[in-house]
PDB file of N, CA and C in Angstrom:
ATOM      1  N   MET A   1      52.820 -18.184  44.390  1.00  0.00           N
ATOM      2  CA  MET A   1      53.426 -16.975  43.885  1.00  0.00           C
ATOM      3  C   MET A   1      54.035 -16.201  45.060  1.00  0.00           C
ATOM      4  N   SER A   2      55.280 -15.817  44.923  1.00  0.00           N
ATOM      5  CA  SER A   2      55.958 -15.119  46.015  1.00  0.00           C
ATOM      6  C   SER A   2      55.503 -13.663  46.097  1.00  0.00           C
ATOM      7  N   LEU A   3      55.780 -13.066  47.242  1.00  0.00           N
ATOM      8  CA  LEU A   3      55.379 -11.677  47.460  1.00  0.00           C
ATOM      9  C   LEU A   3      56.074 -10.744  46.476  1.00  0.00           C
ATOM     10  N   SER A   4      57.351 -10.987  46.201  1.00  0.00           N
ATOM     11  CA  SER A   4      58.075 -10.105  45.286  1.00  0.00           C
ATOM     12  C   SER A   4      57.544 -10.219  43.863  1.00  0.00           C
ATOM     13  N   SER A   5      57.173 -11.420  43.436  1.00  0.00           N
ATOM     14  CA  SER A   5      56.629 -11.543  42.082  1.00  0.00           C
ATOM     15  C   SER A   5      55.230 -10.942  42.003  1.00  0.00           C
ATOM     16  N   MET A   6      54.463 -11.035  43.100  1.00  0.00           N
ATOM     17  CA  MET A   6      53.138 -10.406  43.111  1.00  0.00           C
ATOM     18  C   MET A   6      53.277  -8.889  43.042  1.00  0.00           C
ATOM     19  N   SER A   7      54.239  -8.327  43.764  1.00  0.00           N
ATOM     20  CA  SER A   7      54.414  -6.877  43.706  1.00  0.00           C
ATOM     21  C   SER A   7      54.917  -6.459  42.329  1.00  0.00           C
ATOM     22  N   GLY A   8      55.742  -7.299  41.705  1.00  0.00           N
ATOM     23  CA  GLY A   8      56.196  -7.019  40.341  1.00  0.00           C
ATOM     24  C   GLY A   8      55.045  -7.026  39.354  1.00  0.00           C
ATOM     25  N   GLU A   9      54.136  -7.991  39.508  1.00  0.00           N
ATOM     26  CA  GLU A   9      52.957  -8.055  38.643  1.00  0.00           C
ATOM     27  C   GLU A   9      52.050  -6.852  38.872  1.00  0.00           C
ATOM     28  N   ALA A  10      51.887  -6.467  40.129  1.00  0.00           N
ATOM     29  CA  ALA A  10      51.053  -5.302  40.442  1.00  0.00           C
ATOM     30  C   ALA A  10      51.656  -4.037  39.836  1.00  0.00           C
ATOM     31  N   PHE A  11      52.976  -3.931  39.869  1.00  0.00           N
ATOM     32  CA  PHE A  11      53.642  -2.772  39.281  1.00  0.00           C
ATOM     33  C   PHE A  11      53.420  -2.734  37.775  1.00  0.00           C
ATOM     34  N   LYS A  12      53.579  -3.894  37.107  1.00  0.00           N
ATOM     35  CA  LYS A  12      53.351  -3.957  35.658  1.00  0.00           C
ATOM     36  C   LYS A  12      51.917  -3.587  35.313  1.00  0.00           C
ATOM     37  N   LEU A  13      50.972  -4.085  36.104  1.00  0.00           N
ATOM     38  CA  LEU A  13      49.565  -3.785  35.869  1.00  0.00           C
ATOM     39  C   LEU A  13      49.314  -2.290  36.025  1.00  0.00           C
ATOM     40  N   GLY A  14      49.887  -1.699  37.063  1.00  0.00           N
ATOM     41  CA  GLY A  14      49.745  -0.257  37.262  1.00  0.00           C
ATOM     42  C   GLY A  14      50.317   0.539  36.108  1.00  0.00           C
ATOM     43  N   MET A  15      51.446   0.095  35.571  1.00  0.00           N
ATOM     44  CA  MET A  15      52.053   0.776  34.436  1.00  0.00           C
ATOM     45  C   MET A  15      51.186   0.627  33.194  1.00  0.00           C
ATOM     46  N   ASP A  16      50.570  -0.546  33.025  1.00  0.00           N
ATOM     47  CA  ASP A  16      49.725  -0.777  31.861  1.00  0.00           C
ATOM     48  C   ASP A  16      48.439   0.038  31.921  1.00  0.00           C
ATOM     49  N   ILE A  17      47.874   0.200  33.112  1.00  0.00           N
ATOM     50  CA  ILE A  17      46.589   0.903  33.229  1.00  0.00           C
ATOM     51  C   ILE A  17      46.740   2.363  32.806  1.00  0.00           C
ATOM     52  N   ASP A  18      47.637   3.083  33.424  1.00  0.00           N
ATOM     53  CA  ASP A  18      47.835   4.488  33.058  1.00  0.00           C
ATOM     54  C   ASP A  18      49.174   4.955  33.592  1.00  0.00           C
ATOM     55  N   HIS A  19      50.098   5.194  32.685  1.00  0.00           N
ATOM     56  CA  HIS A  19      51.465   5.553  33.064  1.00  0.00           C
ATOM     57  C   HIS A  19      51.498   6.858  33.860  1.00  0.00           C
ATOM     58  N   ARG A  20      50.667   7.818  33.472  1.00  0.00           N
ATOM     59  CA  ARG A  20      50.694   9.120  34.148  1.00  0.00           C
ATOM     60  C   ARG A  20      50.239   9.021  35.599  1.00  0.00           C
ATOM     61  N   ILE A  21      49.168   8.288  35.857  1.00  0.00           N
ATOM     62  CA  ILE A  21      48.688   8.145  37.232  1.00  0.00           C
ATOM     63  C   ILE A  21      49.756   7.470  38.079  1.00  0.00           C
ATOM     64  N   ASN A  22      50.370   6.426  37.539  1.00  0.00           N
ATOM     65  CA  ASN A  22      51.407   5.709  38.276  1.00  0.00           C
ATOM     66  C   ASN A  22      52.588   6.629  38.588  1.00  0.00           C
ATOM     67  N   ARG A  23      52.915   7.514  37.647  1.00  0.00           N
ATOM     68  CA  ARG A  23      54.026   8.441  37.867  1.00  0.00           C
ATOM     69  C   ARG A  23      53.724   9.385  39.030  1.00  0.00           C
ATOM     70  N   PHE A  24      52.495   9.895  39.086  1.00  0.00           N
ATOM     71  CA  PHE A  24      52.127  10.789  40.183  1.00  0.00           C
ATOM     72  C   PHE A  24      52.119  10.051  41.519  1.00  0.00           C
ATOM     73  N   VAL A  25      51.707   8.780  41.523  1.00  0.00           N
ATOM     74  CA  VAL A  25      51.748   7.982  42.755  1.00  0.00           C
ATOM     75  C   VAL A  25      53.194   7.812  43.202  1.00  0.00           C
ATOM     76  N   ALA A  26      54.091   7.544  42.260  1.00  0.00           N
ATOM     77  CA  ALA A  26      55.506   7.382  42.594  1.00  0.00           C
ATOM     78  C   ALA A  26      56.084   8.684  43.145  1.00  0.00           C
ATOM     79  N   ILE A  27      55.705   9.818  42.546  1.00  0.00           N
ATOM     80  CA  ILE A  27      56.180  11.114  43.032  1.00  0.00           C
ATOM     81  C   ILE A  27      55.669  11.367  44.444  1.00  0.00           C
ATOM     82  N   ASP A  28      54.400  11.026  44.680  1.00  0.00           N
ATOM     83  CA  ASP A  28      53.816  11.213  46.010  1.00  0.00           C
ATOM     84  C   ASP A  28      54.554  10.371  47.050  1.00  0.00           C
ATOM     85  N   CYS A  29      54.853   9.120  46.709  1.00  0.00           N
ATOM     86  CA  CYS A  29      55.604   8.249  47.631  1.00  0.00           C
ATOM     87  C   CYS A  29      56.991   8.823  47.892  1.00  0.00           C
ATOM     88  N   LEU A  30      57.631   9.313  46.846  1.00  0.00           N
ATOM     89  CA  LEU A  30      58.954   9.917  46.995  1.00  0.00           C
ATOM     90  C   LEU A  30      58.889  11.122  47.925  1.00  0.00           C
ATOM     91  N   LEU A  31      57.870  11.961  47.738  1.00  0.00           N
ATOM     92  CA  LEU A  31      57.714  13.131  48.606  1.00  0.00           C
ATOM     93  C   LEU A  31      57.533  12.728  50.058  1.00  0.00           C
ATOM     94  N   MET A  32      56.728  11.700  50.293  1.00  0.00           N
ATOM     95  CA  MET A  32      56.502  11.257  51.669  1.00  0.00           C
ATOM     96  C   MET A  32      57.798  10.779  52.308  1.00  0.00           C
ATOM     97  N   HIS A  33      58.616  10.041  51.544  1.00  0.00           N
ATOM     98  CA  HIS A  33      59.898   9.567  52.077  1.00  0.00           C
ATOM     99  C   HIS A  33      60.832  10.740  52.363  1.00  0.00           C
ATOM    100  N   ILE A  34      60.882  11.706  51.447  1.00  0.00           N
ATOM    101  CA  ILE A  34      61.755  12.867  51.639  1.00  0.00           C
ATOM    102  C   ILE A  34      61.331  13.654  52.872  1.00  0.00           C
ATOM    103  N   VAL A  35      60.026  13.847  53.035  1.00  0.00           N
ATOM    104  CA  VAL A  35      59.530  14.593  54.193  1.00  0.00           C
ATOM    105  C   VAL A  35      59.848  13.849  55.481  1.00  0.00           C
ATOM    106  N   CYS A  36      59.672  12.530  55.483  1.00  0.00           N
ATOM    107  CA  CYS A  36      59.981  11.743  56.688  1.00  0.00           C
ATOM    108  C   CYS A  36      61.459  11.843  57.041  1.00  0.00           C
ATOM    109  N   ILE A  37      62.322  11.678  56.044  1.00  0.00           N
ATOM    110  CA  ILE A  37      63.763  11.761  56.288  1.00  0.00           C
ATOM    111  C   ILE A  37      64.137  13.176  56.716  1.00  0.00           C
ATOM    112  N   GLY A  38      63.604  14.166  56.000  1.00  0.00           N
ATOM    113  CA  GLY A  38      63.918  15.561  56.307  1.00  0.00           C
ATOM    114  C   GLY A  38      63.482  15.964  57.698  1.00  0.00           C
ATOM    115  N   SER A  39      62.305  15.513  58.095  1.00  0.00           N
ATOM    116  CA  SER A  39      61.811  15.904  59.415  1.00  0.00           C
ATOM    117  C   SER A  39      62.609  15.240  60.530  1.00  0.00           C
ATOM    118  N   LYS A  40      63.240  14.108  60.238  1.00  0.00           N
ATOM    119  CA  LYS A  40      64.088  13.465  61.241  1.00  0.00           C
ATOM    120  C   LYS A  40      65.465  14.125  61.308  1.00  0.00           C
ATOM    121  N   LEU A  41      65.946  14.612  60.159  1.00  0.00           N
ATOM    122  CA  LEU A  41      67.274  15.217  60.120  1.00  0.00           C
ATOM    123  C   LEU A  41      67.263  16.675  60.567  1.00  0.00           C
ATOM    124  N   ILE A  42      66.155  17.356  60.286  1.00  0.00           N
ATOM    125  CA  ILE A  42      66.070  18.783  60.585  1.00  0.00           C
ATOM    126  C   ILE A  42      65.113  18.978  61.756  1.00  0.00           C
ATOM    127  N   ALA A  43      65.566  19.673  62.772  1.00  0.00           N
ATOM    128  CA  ALA A  43      64.682  19.958  63.909  1.00  0.00           C
ATOM    129  C   ALA A  43      63.899  21.230  63.587  1.00  0.00           C
ATOM    130  N   PHE A  44      62.641  21.065  63.206  1.00  0.00           N
ATOM    131  CA  PHE A  44      61.813  22.214  62.868  1.00  0.00           C
ATOM    132  C   PHE A  44      61.320  22.884  64.144  1.00  0.00           C
ATOM    133  N   ASP A  45      61.473  24.209  64.197  1.00  0.00           N
ATOM    134  CA  ASP A  45      61.031  24.963  65.373  1.00  0.00           C
ATOM    135  C   ASP A  45      59.515  25.075  65.439  1.00  0.00           C
ATOM    136  N   ASP A  46      58.898  25.212  64.274  1.00  0.00           N
ATOM    137  CA  ASP A  46      57.443  25.338  64.267  1.00  0.00           C
ATOM    138  C   ASP A  46      56.871  24.753  62.977  1.00  0.00           C
ATOM    139  N   GLU A  47      55.569  24.750  62.890  1.00  0.00           N
ATOM    140  CA  GLU A  47      54.894  24.134  61.747  1.00  0.00           C
ATOM    141  C   GLU A  47      55.148  24.895  60.450  1.00  0.00           C
ATOM    142  N   SER A  48      55.336  26.214  60.525  1.00  0.00           N
ATOM    143  CA  SER A  48      55.545  26.994  59.301  1.00  0.00           C
ATOM    144  C   SER A  48      56.855  26.602  58.616  1.00  0.00           C
ATOM    145  N   GLN A  49      57.881  26.273  59.383  1.00  0.00           N
ATOM    146  CA  GLN A  49      59.142  25.827  58.779  1.00  0.00           C
ATOM    147  C   GLN A  49      58.958  24.490  58.074  1.00  0.00           C
ATOM    148  N   LEU A  50      58.190  23.591  58.686  1.00  0.00           N
ATOM    149  CA  LEU A  50      57.919  22.302  58.057  1.00  0.00           C
ATOM    150  C   LEU A  50      57.132  22.500  56.767  1.00  0.00           C
ATOM    151  N   ARG A  51      56.158  23.396  56.778  1.00  0.00           N
ATOM    152  CA  ARG A  51      55.368  23.675  55.571  1.00  0.00           C
ATOM    153  C   ARG A  51      56.246  24.246  54.463  1.00  0.00           C
ATOM    154  N   LYS A  52      57.171  25.147  54.800  1.00  0.00           N
ATOM    155  CA  LYS A  52      58.088  25.711  53.806  1.00  0.00           C
ATOM    156  C   LYS A  52      58.957  24.614  53.203  1.00  0.00           C
ATOM    157  N   PHE A  53      59.441  23.709  54.033  1.00  0.00           N
ATOM    158  CA  PHE A  53      60.262  22.592  53.567  1.00  0.00           C
ATOM    159  C   PHE A  53      59.477  21.724  52.585  1.00  0.00           C
ATOM    160  N   ILE A  54      58.250  21.364  52.944  1.00  0.00           N
ATOM    161  CA  ILE A  54      57.412  20.527  52.082  1.00  0.00           C
ATOM    162  C   ILE A  54      57.109  21.253  50.776  1.00  0.00           C
ATOM    163  N   THR A  55      56.831  22.552  50.844  1.00  0.00           N
ATOM    164  CA  THR A  55      56.540  23.337  49.638  1.00  0.00           C
ATOM    165  C   THR A  55      57.739  23.363  48.704  1.00  0.00           C
ATOM    166  N   CYS A  56      58.936  23.552  49.245  1.00  0.00           N
ATOM    167  CA  CYS A  56      60.150  23.565  48.412  1.00  0.00           C
ATOM    168  C   CYS A  56      60.346  22.234  47.709  1.00  0.00           C
ATOM    169  N   ILE A  57      60.192  21.139  48.436  1.00  0.00           N
ATOM    170  CA  ILE A  57      60.364  19.813  47.845  1.00  0.00           C
ATOM    171  C   ILE A  57      59.307  19.577  46.773  1.00  0.00           C
ATOM    172  N   THR A  58      58.052  19.958  47.050  1.00  0.00           N
ATOM    173  CA  THR A  58      56.965  19.761  46.092  1.00  0.00           C
ATOM    174  C   THR A  58      57.225  20.543  44.811  1.00  0.00           C
ATOM    175  N   GLU A  59      57.626  21.808  44.934  1.00  0.00           N
ATOM    176  CA  GLU A  59      57.912  22.627  43.754  1.00  0.00           C
ATOM    177  C   GLU A  59      59.060  22.037  42.945  1.00  0.00           C
ATOM    178  N   PHE A  60      60.086  21.542  43.616  1.00  0.00           N
ATOM    179  CA  PHE A  60      61.213  20.927  42.916  1.00  0.00           C
ATOM    180  C   PHE A  60      60.760  19.717  42.112  1.00  0.00           C
ATOM    181  N   VAL A  61      59.957  18.852  42.726  1.00  0.00           N
ATOM    182  CA  VAL A  61      59.499  17.642  42.035  1.00  0.00           C
ATOM    183  C   VAL A  61      58.604  18.004  40.859  1.00  0.00           C
ATOM    184  N   ILE A  62      57.727  18.980  41.025  1.00  0.00           N
ATOM    185  CA  ILE A  62      56.838  19.391  39.932  1.00  0.00           C
ATOM    186  C   ILE A  62      57.654  19.962  38.776  1.00  0.00           C
ATOM    187  N   MET A  63      58.664  20.765  39.069  1.00  0.00           N
ATOM    188  CA  MET A  63      59.480  21.359  38.011  1.00  0.00           C
ATOM    189  C   MET A  63      60.314  20.311  37.282  1.00  0.00           C
ATOM    190  N   THR A  64      60.750  19.283  37.977  1.00  0.00           N
ATOM    191  CA  THR A  64      61.623  18.290  37.349  1.00  0.00           C
ATOM    192  C   THR A  64      60.864  17.132  36.717  1.00  0.00           C
ATOM    193  N   SER A  65      59.545  17.069  36.906  1.00  0.00           N
ATOM    194  CA  SER A  65      58.797  15.949  36.311  1.00  0.00           C
ATOM    195  C   SER A  65      58.179  16.339  34.989  1.00  0.00           C
TER     196      SER A  65
END
């Protein structure tokens, strides 16, 4: 069994177990990617700016989900 088919099977299994939990995991992964990209594109002066950025992204995802 190839790696891509195993990951496809794992995804199907995750969807079958509980759609809501899988959705929150996907949102969390999306947030992590956005934060990584954002922190590379934006030079944050201090930690409070980074926290504000993460809070804005989190609120947006919660409102749109």
